[in-house]
Each structure stands twice: as C-alpha cells, then as structure tokens.
Amino acid sequence: MTQDVKEIFGSSSGGPAAPPAPAALAAKVRTLAPSMTRSMQRVAEAVAGDPAGCAALTVTGLAELTGTSEATVVRTARILGYPGYRDLRLALAGLAAQQQSGRAPAITTDIAVDDPIADVVAKLAYDEQQTLADTAAGLDTVQLAAAVAAAATARRIDVYGVGASGLVAQDLTQKLLRIGLIAHAHSDPHLAVTNAVQLRAGDVAIAITHSGATGDVIEPLRVAFEHGATTVAITGRPDSSVTQYADHVLTTSTARESELRPAAMSSRTSQLLVVDCLFVGVAQRTYETAAPALASSYEALAHRHRGRT
C-alpha cells in the first residue's frame, strides 16, 4: 500500500475505501482531529458541530467560515475519508437529518473530583459506549478482513505493545493460543526486536499503540516488516509513524481525555474491541481446528472452576 493511499484511507485491495456513512463522520472527527493541522481542525470541528449549516455551504463558503482555504477544506474531507467535498456535503446532510430525527443530546462526561460515585459510573459507562460506537463506525472492514486472512494462515504471530497496550497484546495472544495458533506478546523492546528478526513471509506481526509514535513498538514492527512478515498496526492515529511499516492499519477511537480519565483508559477500550474482532474473524476462518482446540482448553481448566467439596 502506498503512503498516498494510506493518507486517504484506501484499502489494501487496490481501490479506495468507501466513504464513511454519515453516522461515522462525528467519530472520524473525534479520532483524527488531534493529528490534524490547526486549520484542518477548524474545518473538522465546524462540520461536526453544525452539519446542517455546513452542508448548505459551497467549498468556498466553508473555507470563508473557518478562515481557511479551499485546498484545506478538500484535504480535510479526504482525511475524513471522502473522495471530495461533494461527498462530504452529502454525508453532512445525512448526519443533519439523523440529528433532526429526535435523538437525545449527548450527556456531558467530564468527571469532577467531587462527583458522586453514581455519576462517575454513568459518565464512564457513556464514554465507554461512545468509544466502542466510534471505533466500530470508523473501523475499515476491508483492512480488518485482510488482517484476519493473514493471521488465520500464519505460521507464527507476534504482538507488540507496552503499558496499557501491552495488556491488550497479552489479551489477544491468550485468545489465539486457545484456538491452537502460535502467538507471543512482547512488551520488552529488546525481546521484541530479537524475536522480530526471526519472522519471515507467512508470519504476522501486530503493533498496538494508540499514539502510533511509541518507539518500543515501532522498532520491532519495522524489523518484522523488513524481514517479510505481514504487519498490522492497531492505532488511534492512522497517519502516525507506525503505519509506514504496516501492511494493514486498524484505526481505534478514544473518548475525550480528562484529568481523571487518561488516554490509556479509553484507548484500551477501543483496542480491546478491535482485537476481539480480529480474534473472532480468525476463529471463524479456522473453525474446524479452532473449535476443538477451544473445547480442549476449556476442559483442561474446568477442574479449576468447579467448587471444592
């Protein structure tokens, strides 16, 4: 996949990905705005904040409204996944129609130090739901299917992640091991690289990093990529450094970060959804061997879950 195609979220199948559905537009803005230039952020925030008003504007009108240029408006539309501004306007019109159908407004989810615990529970639950919905709406299923196909036939799967992403890497490898695949999670950067040099064509390496800029994750993925393994990046920043070494990019979303809810919490939620989708897809494709392997693992552990007499 070329870098140009990646920048407009093209698929690995050779053609551009379908534009996001209207419901996915707000999710795209929340996910991608932090990595945009300030001028592009103004355009993205404008279309997300007032889809009906912006849908009525020409590209010149939106550029004037946001104090940017027509080229910036077009680039923003492409980064959000639309071939051109006309396609973005159609999505804005669709989103405006959905909003006018009577859907309840979103609740405020900022958590204050003195919030009652019941409010904390409600706000966190809402954030988790929004994060999962945004991730599902923005996930490129063509890229996901390609990653599933590679993992299902892989000789070996290495997964890299540190910190909260390391926990997600362990979660994925434990699932894969239970259906009979050879999978290893690496959070130690030295071990990750020394294992990556052993990978070849037919192997799969998966890097999990919300920022897409974690050097301890990027380095082993680069090594795996250079040794011919199929590489996958799970990241909240599809234009970040890690993606230059990824054959397939799976984008996650996060809830808005706050003082009492750091990015690691919300990014983990979206990462877990993506790795669950990846795992279930692999289990489907390898069902004849996965089902008995899973049954055997349940049986092997059953005695540990029975009550003692």
Foldseek 3Di string as FASTA:
>chain_A
DDLVQLQLCQFLVPGRADAFALVLLLLLLQLALVVDDPLLNLLSCVCNVQLPVVLPDDLCRSCVVSVHDSVSNQSSCSNSNHNGVNRVSVSSVVNVVVVVVDDDDDDDQADDPPDDVVSPVVSVVSQLVVQQVNLVRPWRVSLLLVLLVLQLQAQEEEEEDEDLQLVLQVVLQVLVVLLPHHYYYDDDLVVLQVVLLPAADRYEYEYEDAVLPDPSRQVSLQSNLVRHYAYEYEYSHSSHDSVVSHSGYTHGGFGDADPVRHRSNRSSSRSNVSSVSSSVSSCVVVVVRRVVSNVVVCVVCVVVPDDDD
